[in-house]
Amino acid sequence: MVGCLGKLYESVENLNHTYILQGKNKEIFLKPKAPVPFTSVSLVLLTDEPTDKTYYICDYCSRQSSFSDDPKTTCRTCSRAMTRALSYGAPPQKKDGPNESGFVKDAVTYMVMDDLVLKPLSIVSSIVLLNKYNVKELAAVQEKDVHFGMNEALKLLKASLHSSNVLTTVFLNDECDY
């Protein structure tokens, strides 16, 4: 994968299921579903919410054990079109726990590295990170708040295709070309 998108993908793939909200699945990020006309295009973050759907059975021989989502499908028994419509009403979505929306648990803080590696934040992971970059003086570490809007999202996407230092490129480089 180009840039550092592969590292982001790998991070989500390796994220322990205990960090994911109950009833949610990280596969929506890893194998996103595309609308039918665009099946060759991979889209991110399409929800897995159930929707009302129409199915069809054969009206001639009433073979209700066979059904299709396409009214042009032929019945396996009599070879006629399966035109009798059956409606499927999707059950209502279960509400998440208090203040829990999205895909990961609110009680956990995550850190996103410069190369878009995603990790749950803990004291141990922070110490490991400081040691990795040979930080001896904590005073040398700076916190920076950034505005993240549509323009920054586009810059982040473009930079992630070319750079392995995405956050530095987008938020700390005053001359960002993206």
N, C-alpha and C. Protein backbone atom coordinates (compact mmCIF):
# COMPACT_ATOMS: atom_id res chain seq x y z
N MET A 1 0.85 -1.18 0.00
CA MET A 1 0.00 0.00 0.00
C MET A 1 0.89 1.24 0.00
N VAL A 2 0.46 2.28 -0.66
CA VAL A 2 1.26 3.50 -0.80
C VAL A 2 1.29 4.32 0.48
N GLY A 3 2.33 5.16 0.60
CA GLY A 3 2.44 6.04 1.76
C GLY A 3 2.37 5.26 3.05
N CYS A 4 1.61 5.76 3.99
CA CYS A 4 1.50 5.07 5.28
C CYS A 4 0.07 4.56 5.53
N LEU A 5 -0.74 4.50 4.49
CA LEU A 5 -2.10 3.96 4.67
C LEU A 5 -2.06 2.50 5.11
N GLY A 6 -1.05 1.77 4.66
CA GLY A 6 -0.91 0.37 5.07
C GLY A 6 -0.73 0.22 6.56
N LYS A 7 0.00 1.16 7.16
CA LYS A 7 0.21 1.11 8.62
C LYS A 7 -1.08 1.41 9.37
N LEU A 8 -1.88 2.33 8.85
CA LEU A 8 -3.18 2.62 9.46
C LEU A 8 -4.07 1.38 9.38
N TYR A 9 -4.12 0.77 8.20
CA TYR A 9 -4.91 -0.44 7.99
C TYR A 9 -4.46 -1.54 8.95
N GLU A 10 -3.15 -1.75 9.03
CA GLU A 10 -2.59 -2.77 9.90
C GLU A 10 -2.91 -2.49 11.37
N SER A 11 -2.89 -1.22 11.76
CA SER A 11 -3.21 -0.85 13.15
C SER A 11 -4.64 -1.21 13.50
N VAL A 12 -5.56 -0.91 12.60
CA VAL A 12 -6.97 -1.25 12.84
C VAL A 12 -7.13 -2.76 12.86
N GLU A 13 -6.46 -3.43 11.94
CA GLU A 13 -6.53 -4.89 11.86
C GLU A 13 -6.03 -5.53 13.16
N ASN A 14 -4.97 -4.97 13.74
CA ASN A 14 -4.37 -5.54 14.95
C ASN A 14 -5.00 -5.02 16.25
N LEU A 15 -5.91 -4.07 16.17
CA LEU A 15 -6.55 -3.53 17.36
C LEU A 15 -7.36 -4.64 18.04
N ASN A 16 -7.07 -4.87 19.29
CA ASN A 16 -7.73 -5.93 20.04
C ASN A 16 -9.24 -5.68 20.09
N HIS A 17 -10.01 -6.75 19.95
CA HIS A 17 -11.47 -6.63 19.94
C HIS A 17 -12.04 -6.07 21.24
N THR A 18 -11.27 -6.11 22.32
CA THR A 18 -11.77 -5.56 23.59
C THR A 18 -11.92 -4.04 23.53
N TYR A 19 -11.29 -3.38 22.57
CA TYR A 19 -11.41 -1.93 22.42
C TYR A 19 -12.60 -1.52 21.55
N ILE A 20 -13.20 -2.49 20.87
CA ILE A 20 -14.31 -2.22 19.96
C ILE A 20 -15.62 -2.32 20.74
N LEU A 21 -16.55 -1.41 20.47
CA LEU A 21 -17.86 -1.45 21.13
C LEU A 21 -18.57 -2.76 20.84
N GLN A 22 -19.30 -3.25 21.83
CA GLN A 22 -20.07 -4.47 21.65
C GLN A 22 -21.08 -4.26 20.52
N GLY A 23 -21.18 -5.22 19.64
CA GLY A 23 -22.11 -5.12 18.51
C GLY A 23 -21.52 -4.42 17.30
N LYS A 24 -20.30 -3.92 17.42
CA LYS A 24 -19.63 -3.26 16.29
C LYS A 24 -18.54 -4.19 15.77
N ASN A 25 -18.13 -3.97 14.54
CA ASN A 25 -17.15 -4.84 13.93
C ASN A 25 -16.15 -4.00 13.15
N LYS A 26 -14.87 -4.22 13.39
CA LYS A 26 -13.85 -3.44 12.69
C LYS A 26 -13.73 -3.82 11.22
N GLU A 27 -14.40 -4.88 10.80
CA GLU A 27 -14.36 -5.28 9.40
C GLU A 27 -14.93 -4.20 8.47
N ILE A 28 -15.78 -3.33 9.00
CA ILE A 28 -16.33 -2.25 8.17
C ILE A 28 -15.22 -1.31 7.70
N PHE A 29 -14.13 -1.21 8.48
CA PHE A 29 -12.98 -0.42 8.08
C PHE A 29 -12.06 -1.21 7.16
N LEU A 30 -11.93 -2.50 7.47
CA LEU A 30 -10.97 -3.33 6.75
C LEU A 30 -11.49 -3.80 5.40
N LYS A 31 -12.78 -4.05 5.31
CA LYS A 31 -13.39 -4.52 4.06
C LYS A 31 -14.68 -3.75 3.83
N PRO A 32 -14.57 -2.47 3.52
CA PRO A 32 -15.77 -1.65 3.36
C PRO A 32 -16.63 -2.12 2.20
N LYS A 33 -17.94 -1.97 2.37
CA LYS A 33 -18.88 -2.34 1.32
C LYS A 33 -19.11 -1.15 0.41
N ALA A 34 -19.22 -1.42 -0.86
CA ALA A 34 -19.49 -0.37 -1.83
C ALA A 34 -20.91 -0.52 -2.33
N PRO A 35 -21.55 0.59 -2.72
CA PRO A 35 -22.87 0.48 -3.33
C PRO A 35 -22.79 -0.40 -4.57
N VAL A 36 -23.88 -1.06 -4.92
CA VAL A 36 -23.90 -2.02 -6.02
C VAL A 36 -23.30 -1.48 -7.32
N PRO A 37 -23.65 -0.26 -7.80
CA PRO A 37 -23.09 0.19 -9.07
C PRO A 37 -21.59 0.44 -9.04
N PHE A 38 -21.01 0.53 -7.86
CA PHE A 38 -19.60 0.87 -7.75
C PHE A 38 -18.82 -0.24 -7.04
N THR A 39 -19.09 -1.49 -7.35
CA THR A 39 -18.47 -2.58 -6.62
C THR A 39 -16.97 -2.67 -6.81
N SER A 40 -16.41 -2.02 -7.82
CA SER A 40 -14.96 -2.06 -7.99
C SER A 40 -14.27 -0.96 -7.20
N VAL A 41 -15.04 -0.08 -6.58
CA VAL A 41 -14.48 1.03 -5.82
C VAL A 41 -14.59 0.69 -4.33
N SER A 42 -13.49 0.83 -3.61
CA SER A 42 -13.48 0.55 -2.18
C SER A 42 -13.77 1.84 -1.42
N LEU A 43 -14.86 1.87 -0.68
CA LEU A 43 -15.24 3.05 0.08
C LEU A 43 -15.07 2.80 1.57
N VAL A 44 -14.78 3.82 2.30
CA VAL A 44 -14.55 3.70 3.74
C VAL A 44 -15.77 4.16 4.52
N LEU A 45 -16.04 3.49 5.61
CA LEU A 45 -17.05 3.88 6.59
C LEU A 45 -18.50 3.80 6.15
N LEU A 46 -18.83 2.89 5.26
CA LEU A 46 -20.24 2.66 5.01
C LEU A 46 -20.75 1.83 6.18
N THR A 47 -21.88 2.18 6.73
CA THR A 47 -22.34 1.51 7.94
C THR A 47 -22.94 0.15 7.62
N ASP A 48 -22.98 -0.67 8.64
CA ASP A 48 -23.57 -2.00 8.53
C ASP A 48 -25.00 -1.99 9.06
N GLU A 49 -25.65 -0.83 9.09
CA GLU A 49 -26.99 -0.73 9.62
C GLU A 49 -27.96 -1.48 8.72
N PRO A 50 -28.87 -2.26 9.32
CA PRO A 50 -29.84 -2.98 8.50
C PRO A 50 -30.81 -2.02 7.83
N THR A 51 -31.23 -2.39 6.64
CA THR A 51 -32.17 -1.55 5.90
C THR A 51 -33.35 -2.40 5.44
N ASP A 52 -34.47 -1.74 5.20
CA ASP A 52 -35.62 -2.44 4.65
C ASP A 52 -35.26 -2.91 3.25
N LYS A 53 -35.71 -4.11 2.89
CA LYS A 53 -35.34 -4.69 1.61
C LYS A 53 -36.52 -5.48 1.07
N THR A 54 -36.57 -5.62 -0.24
CA THR A 54 -37.61 -6.41 -0.87
C THR A 54 -36.99 -7.66 -1.46
N TYR A 55 -37.60 -8.80 -1.18
CA TYR A 55 -37.17 -10.08 -1.75
C TYR A 55 -38.31 -10.61 -2.61
N TYR A 56 -37.99 -11.55 -3.49
CA TYR A 56 -38.97 -12.07 -4.43
C TYR A 56 -38.97 -13.59 -4.39
N ILE A 57 -40.21 -14.15 -4.51
CA ILE A 57 -40.38 -15.60 -4.62
C ILE A 57 -41.20 -15.87 -5.88
N CYS A 58 -41.28 -17.13 -6.25
CA CYS A 58 -42.06 -17.51 -7.42
C CYS A 58 -43.54 -17.49 -7.07
N ASP A 59 -44.31 -16.72 -7.81
CA ASP A 59 -45.75 -16.62 -7.58
C ASP A 59 -46.49 -17.80 -8.20
N TYR A 60 -45.88 -18.46 -9.15
CA TYR A 60 -46.54 -19.54 -9.88
C TYR A 60 -46.55 -20.84 -9.09
N CYS A 61 -45.39 -21.22 -8.58
CA CYS A 61 -45.35 -22.49 -7.87
C CYS A 61 -45.22 -22.32 -6.36
N SER A 62 -45.21 -21.09 -5.92
CA SER A 62 -45.15 -20.76 -4.49
C SER A 62 -44.01 -21.46 -3.76
N ARG A 63 -42.87 -21.56 -4.41
CA ARG A 63 -41.69 -22.13 -3.77
C ARG A 63 -41.09 -21.08 -2.85
N GLN A 64 -41.54 -21.08 -1.62
CA GLN A 64 -41.10 -20.05 -0.69
C GLN A 64 -39.76 -20.38 -0.04
N SER A 65 -39.23 -21.56 -0.34
CA SER A 65 -37.92 -21.87 0.22
C SER A 65 -36.80 -21.24 -0.62
N SER A 66 -37.14 -20.76 -1.81
CA SER A 66 -36.17 -20.06 -2.65
C SER A 66 -36.61 -18.62 -2.79
N PHE A 67 -35.68 -17.70 -2.67
CA PHE A 67 -36.00 -16.29 -2.83
C PHE A 67 -34.81 -15.58 -3.45
N SER A 68 -35.06 -14.37 -3.93
CA SER A 68 -34.01 -13.58 -4.57
C SER A 68 -34.25 -12.11 -4.27
N ASP A 69 -33.21 -11.29 -4.42
CA ASP A 69 -33.40 -9.85 -4.28
C ASP A 69 -33.56 -9.20 -5.65
N ASP A 70 -33.62 -10.03 -6.70
CA ASP A 70 -33.79 -9.54 -8.08
C ASP A 70 -35.04 -10.17 -8.68
N PRO A 71 -36.05 -9.36 -9.08
CA PRO A 71 -37.30 -9.92 -9.60
C PRO A 71 -37.13 -10.61 -10.96
N LYS A 72 -35.98 -10.51 -11.57
CA LYS A 72 -35.74 -11.16 -12.87
C LYS A 72 -35.15 -12.56 -12.71
N THR A 73 -34.84 -12.94 -11.48
CA THR A 73 -34.28 -14.27 -11.23
C THR A 73 -35.33 -15.32 -11.53
N THR A 74 -34.91 -16.43 -12.14
CA THR A 74 -35.87 -17.49 -12.46
C THR A 74 -35.92 -18.52 -11.34
N CYS A 75 -37.10 -19.06 -11.15
CA CYS A 75 -37.34 -20.08 -10.13
C CYS A 75 -36.60 -21.36 -10.53
N ARG A 76 -35.98 -22.01 -9.57
CA ARG A 76 -35.25 -23.25 -9.85
C ARG A 76 -36.18 -24.41 -10.17
N THR A 77 -37.44 -24.32 -9.71
CA THR A 77 -38.38 -25.41 -9.92
C THR A 77 -39.10 -25.30 -11.27
N CYS A 78 -39.66 -24.11 -11.57
CA CYS A 78 -40.48 -23.98 -12.78
C CYS A 78 -39.87 -23.05 -13.84
N SER A 79 -38.76 -22.45 -13.55
CA SER A 79 -38.04 -21.56 -14.49
C SER A 79 -38.79 -20.29 -14.86
N ARG A 80 -39.76 -19.91 -14.06
CA ARG A 80 -40.45 -18.63 -14.29
C ARG A 80 -39.81 -17.55 -13.41
N ALA A 81 -40.10 -16.31 -13.76
CA ALA A 81 -39.54 -15.19 -13.00
C ALA A 81 -40.10 -15.18 -11.58
N MET A 82 -39.25 -14.86 -10.63
CA MET A 82 -39.66 -14.77 -9.22
C MET A 82 -40.14 -13.34 -8.98
N THR A 83 -41.44 -13.12 -9.17
CA THR A 83 -41.98 -11.75 -9.17
C THR A 83 -42.80 -11.40 -7.94
N ARG A 84 -43.15 -12.35 -7.10
CA ARG A 84 -43.96 -12.05 -5.93
C ARG A 84 -43.08 -11.40 -4.86
N ALA A 85 -43.41 -10.17 -4.53
CA ALA A 85 -42.58 -9.38 -3.60
C ALA A 85 -42.88 -9.73 -2.15
N LEU A 86 -41.83 -9.87 -1.38
CA LEU A 86 -41.91 -10.03 0.07
C LEU A 86 -41.10 -8.89 0.66
N SER A 87 -41.67 -8.20 1.63
CA SER A 87 -40.95 -7.09 2.24
C SER A 87 -40.25 -7.55 3.51
N TYR A 88 -39.04 -7.08 3.67
CA TYR A 88 -38.28 -7.35 4.88
C TYR A 88 -38.13 -6.03 5.62
N GLY A 89 -38.64 -5.98 6.83
CA GLY A 89 -38.50 -4.78 7.65
C GLY A 89 -37.33 -4.97 8.60
N ALA A 90 -36.32 -4.16 8.44
CA ALA A 90 -35.12 -4.27 9.28
C ALA A 90 -35.47 -3.96 10.73
N PRO A 91 -34.93 -4.73 11.68
CA PRO A 91 -35.19 -4.43 13.09
C PRO A 91 -34.54 -3.11 13.47
N PRO A 92 -35.09 -2.43 14.47
CA PRO A 92 -34.46 -1.17 14.89
C PRO A 92 -33.07 -1.43 15.46
N GLN A 93 -32.18 -0.47 15.24
CA GLN A 93 -30.82 -0.57 15.76
C GLN A 93 -30.83 -0.53 17.27
N LYS A 94 -30.01 -1.36 17.90
CA LYS A 94 -29.84 -1.31 19.35
C LYS A 94 -29.08 -0.05 19.69
N LYS A 95 -29.49 0.58 20.75
CA LYS A 95 -28.79 1.78 21.21
C LYS A 95 -27.54 1.35 21.97
N ASP A 96 -26.44 2.05 21.73
CA ASP A 96 -25.21 1.78 22.46
C ASP A 96 -25.37 2.26 23.89
N GLY A 97 -24.40 1.91 24.71
CA GLY A 97 -24.41 2.35 26.09
C GLY A 97 -24.36 3.86 26.17
N PRO A 98 -24.41 4.41 27.38
CA PRO A 98 -24.39 5.86 27.53
C PRO A 98 -23.15 6.48 26.92
N ASN A 99 -23.36 7.51 26.11
CA ASN A 99 -22.29 8.28 25.46
C ASN A 99 -21.38 7.44 24.57
N GLU A 100 -21.81 6.26 24.17
CA GLU A 100 -20.97 5.44 23.31
C GLU A 100 -21.56 5.41 21.90
N SER A 101 -20.89 6.12 21.02
CA SER A 101 -21.25 6.07 19.61
C SER A 101 -19.96 5.84 18.85
N GLY A 102 -20.05 5.51 17.60
CA GLY A 102 -18.85 5.21 16.83
C GLY A 102 -18.53 3.73 16.92
N PHE A 103 -17.23 3.41 16.95
CA PHE A 103 -16.82 2.01 16.90
C PHE A 103 -15.94 1.58 18.07
N VAL A 104 -15.29 2.53 18.73
CA VAL A 104 -14.40 2.17 19.84
C VAL A 104 -14.96 2.69 21.16
N LYS A 105 -14.51 2.10 22.24
CA LYS A 105 -15.01 2.46 23.57
C LYS A 105 -14.51 3.84 23.99
N ASP A 106 -15.42 4.61 24.60
CA ASP A 106 -15.10 5.96 25.06
C ASP A 106 -14.08 5.98 26.18
N ALA A 107 -14.04 4.95 26.98
CA ALA A 107 -13.17 4.95 28.16
C ALA A 107 -11.69 4.85 27.81
N VAL A 108 -11.37 4.55 26.57
CA VAL A 108 -9.99 4.36 26.15
C VAL A 108 -9.54 5.57 25.33
N THR A 109 -8.33 6.04 25.59
CA THR A 109 -7.73 7.12 24.80
C THR A 109 -6.77 6.47 23.81
N TYR A 110 -6.75 6.97 22.61
CA TYR A 110 -5.89 6.41 21.57
C TYR A 110 -4.88 7.44 21.12
N MET A 111 -3.73 6.97 20.66
CA MET A 111 -2.76 7.88 20.08
C MET A 111 -2.56 7.49 18.62
N VAL A 112 -2.42 8.51 17.80
CA VAL A 112 -2.15 8.31 16.38
C VAL A 112 -0.74 8.83 16.14
N MET A 113 0.12 7.95 15.67
CA MET A 113 1.52 8.30 15.44
C MET A 113 1.64 9.08 14.13
N ASP A 114 2.81 9.65 13.90
CA ASP A 114 3.07 10.46 12.72
C ASP A 114 2.87 9.66 11.43
N ASP A 115 3.10 8.35 11.50
CA ASP A 115 2.92 7.49 10.32
C ASP A 115 1.55 6.82 10.32
N LEU A 116 0.61 7.37 11.08
CA LEU A 116 -0.79 6.93 11.20
C LEU A 116 -0.97 5.59 11.89
N VAL A 117 0.05 5.12 12.61
CA VAL A 117 -0.13 3.93 13.43
C VAL A 117 -1.03 4.32 14.60
N LEU A 118 -2.05 3.53 14.85
CA LEU A 118 -3.05 3.79 15.87
C LEU A 118 -2.83 2.82 17.03
N LYS A 119 -2.75 3.35 18.26
CA LYS A 119 -2.53 2.51 19.44
C LYS A 119 -3.34 3.04 20.61
N PRO A 120 -3.83 2.13 21.47
CA PRO A 120 -4.42 2.59 22.72
C PRO A 120 -3.34 3.25 23.56
N LEU A 121 -3.67 4.36 24.18
CA LEU A 121 -2.71 5.12 24.97
C LEU A 121 -2.68 4.61 26.40
N SER A 122 -1.49 4.39 26.90
CA SER A 122 -1.31 3.99 28.30
C SER A 122 0.01 4.57 28.78
N ILE A 123 0.24 4.49 30.07
CA ILE A 123 1.51 4.98 30.62
C ILE A 123 2.67 4.18 30.02
N VAL A 124 2.50 2.87 29.94
CA VAL A 124 3.55 2.02 29.40
C VAL A 124 3.84 2.37 27.94
N SER A 125 2.80 2.52 27.13
CA SER A 125 3.03 2.85 25.72
C SER A 125 3.68 4.22 25.56
N SER A 126 3.36 5.14 26.45
CA SER A 126 3.99 6.47 26.42
C SER A 126 5.47 6.39 26.75
N ILE A 127 5.82 5.60 27.76
CA ILE A 127 7.23 5.43 28.14
C ILE A 127 8.00 4.74 27.02
N VAL A 128 7.40 3.72 26.43
CA VAL A 128 8.04 3.02 25.30
C VAL A 128 8.28 3.99 24.15
N LEU A 129 7.31 4.84 23.88
CA LEU A 129 7.44 5.82 22.81
C LEU A 129 8.56 6.82 23.09
N LEU A 130 8.64 7.31 24.32
CA LEU A 130 9.71 8.24 24.69
C LEU A 130 11.08 7.58 24.56
N ASN A 131 11.18 6.32 24.96
CA ASN A 131 12.44 5.59 24.82
C ASN A 131 12.79 5.34 23.35
N LYS A 132 11.79 5.03 22.55
CA LYS A 132 12.00 4.78 21.12
C LYS A 132 12.65 5.99 20.44
N TYR A 133 12.20 7.18 20.80
CA TYR A 133 12.73 8.40 20.19
C TYR A 133 13.83 9.04 21.04
N ASN A 134 14.33 8.29 22.02
CA ASN A 134 15.46 8.71 22.83
C ASN A 134 15.24 10.08 23.49
N VAL A 135 14.03 10.29 24.01
CA VAL A 135 13.70 11.54 24.70
C VAL A 135 14.19 11.44 26.14
N LYS A 136 15.11 12.33 26.50
CA LYS A 136 15.67 12.32 27.86
C LYS A 136 15.01 13.38 28.74
N GLU A 137 14.65 14.50 28.16
CA GLU A 137 14.04 15.61 28.90
C GLU A 137 12.57 15.74 28.50
N LEU A 138 11.68 15.55 29.45
CA LEU A 138 10.26 15.70 29.15
C LEU A 138 9.90 17.13 28.76
N ALA A 139 10.70 18.09 29.16
CA ALA A 139 10.45 19.48 28.78
C ALA A 139 10.58 19.69 27.27
N ALA A 140 11.28 18.77 26.61
CA ALA A 140 11.45 18.87 25.15
C ALA A 140 10.19 18.44 24.40
N VAL A 141 9.30 17.75 25.09
CA VAL A 141 8.06 17.28 24.46
C VAL A 141 7.04 18.40 24.48
N GLN A 142 6.42 18.64 23.34
CA GLN A 142 5.42 19.70 23.23
C GLN A 142 4.07 19.13 22.83
N GLU A 143 3.05 19.76 23.32
CA GLU A 143 1.69 19.41 22.92
C GLU A 143 1.21 20.48 21.96
N LYS A 144 0.53 20.06 20.90
CA LYS A 144 0.04 21.03 19.93
C LYS A 144 -1.42 20.71 19.62
N ASP A 145 -2.28 21.68 19.83
CA ASP A 145 -3.68 21.55 19.44
C ASP A 145 -3.79 21.98 17.99
N VAL A 146 -4.55 21.22 17.22
CA VAL A 146 -4.71 21.55 15.80
C VAL A 146 -6.19 21.62 15.45
N HIS A 147 -6.50 22.46 14.48
CA HIS A 147 -7.86 22.52 13.94
C HIS A 147 -7.95 21.44 12.87
N PHE A 148 -9.01 20.66 12.91
CA PHE A 148 -9.16 19.58 11.93
C PHE A 148 -10.50 19.73 11.24
N GLY A 149 -10.49 20.32 10.06
CA GLY A 149 -11.70 20.49 9.27
C GLY A 149 -11.58 19.75 7.95
N MET A 150 -12.45 20.08 7.01
CA MET A 150 -12.47 19.42 5.72
C MET A 150 -11.15 19.61 4.96
N ASN A 151 -10.60 20.83 4.97
CA ASN A 151 -9.34 21.08 4.27
C ASN A 151 -8.20 20.24 4.85
N GLU A 152 -8.15 20.16 6.17
CA GLU A 152 -7.11 19.37 6.82
C GLU A 152 -7.30 17.88 6.53
N ALA A 153 -8.54 17.44 6.46
CA ALA A 153 -8.81 16.04 6.14
C ALA A 153 -8.31 15.70 4.74
N LEU A 154 -8.54 16.60 3.79
CA LEU A 154 -8.06 16.37 2.43
C LEU A 154 -6.53 16.39 2.38
N LYS A 155 -5.92 17.33 3.09
CA LYS A 155 -4.46 17.38 3.15
C LYS A 155 -3.91 16.09 3.77
N LEU A 156 -4.57 15.63 4.82
CA LEU A 156 -4.14 14.42 5.50
C LEU A 156 -4.22 13.22 4.56
N LEU A 157 -5.30 13.13 3.81
CA LEU A 157 -5.46 12.02 2.85
C LEU A 157 -4.38 12.08 1.79
N LYS A 158 -4.15 13.26 1.21
CA LYS A 158 -3.12 13.40 0.17
C LYS A 158 -1.74 13.07 0.72
N ALA A 159 -1.43 13.60 1.90
CA ALA A 159 -0.11 13.34 2.49
C ALA A 159 0.07 11.87 2.82
N SER A 160 -1.00 11.19 3.23
CA SER A 160 -0.89 9.78 3.59
C SER A 160 -0.57 8.90 2.39
N LEU A 161 -0.80 9.41 1.19
CA LEU A 161 -0.47 8.66 -0.02
C LEU A 161 1.00 8.81 -0.41
N HIS A 162 1.68 9.83 0.14
CA HIS A 162 3.04 10.13 -0.29
C HIS A 162 4.07 10.13 0.84
N SER A 163 3.65 10.34 2.05
CA SER A 163 4.58 10.59 3.15
C SER A 163 4.44 9.55 4.25
N SER A 164 5.52 9.37 5.00
CA SER A 164 5.43 8.52 6.19
C SER A 164 5.41 9.37 7.46
N ASN A 165 5.43 10.69 7.29
CA ASN A 165 5.34 11.64 8.41
C ASN A 165 4.12 12.53 8.19
N VAL A 166 2.97 11.93 8.12
CA VAL A 166 1.75 12.62 7.72
C VAL A 166 1.38 13.77 8.65
N LEU A 167 1.34 13.52 9.94
CA LEU A 167 0.90 14.56 10.87
C LEU A 167 1.87 15.74 10.89
N THR A 168 3.16 15.45 10.84
CA THR A 168 4.15 16.52 10.77
C THR A 168 3.97 17.32 9.50
N THR A 169 3.79 16.62 8.38
CA THR A 169 3.64 17.28 7.09
C THR A 169 2.43 18.21 7.07
N VAL A 170 1.32 17.75 7.59
CA VAL A 170 0.07 18.52 7.51
C VAL A 170 -0.02 19.60 8.59
N PHE A 171 0.36 19.28 9.81
CA PHE A 171 0.09 20.21 10.91
C PHE A 171 1.30 21.02 11.40
N LEU A 172 2.50 20.59 11.10
CA LEU A 172 3.67 21.34 11.58
C LEU A 172 4.46 22.01 10.47
N ASN A 173 4.22 21.61 9.24
CA ASN A 173 4.93 22.19 8.11
C ASN A 173 4.11 23.36 7.57
N ASP A 174 4.61 24.58 7.75
CA ASP A 174 3.89 25.77 7.29
C ASP A 174 3.75 25.83 5.78
N GLU A 175 4.61 25.12 5.07
CA GLU A 175 4.59 25.15 3.61
C GLU A 175 4.08 23.83 3.05
N CYS A 176 3.04 23.29 3.64
CA CYS A 176 2.48 22.02 3.20
C CYS A 176 1.97 22.15 1.77
N ASP A 177 2.47 21.30 0.88
CA ASP A 177 2.10 21.36 -0.53
C ASP A 177 0.77 20.66 -0.81
N TYR A 178 0.18 20.04 0.16
CA TYR A 178 -1.04 19.27 -0.08
C TYR A 178 -2.26 20.09 0.13
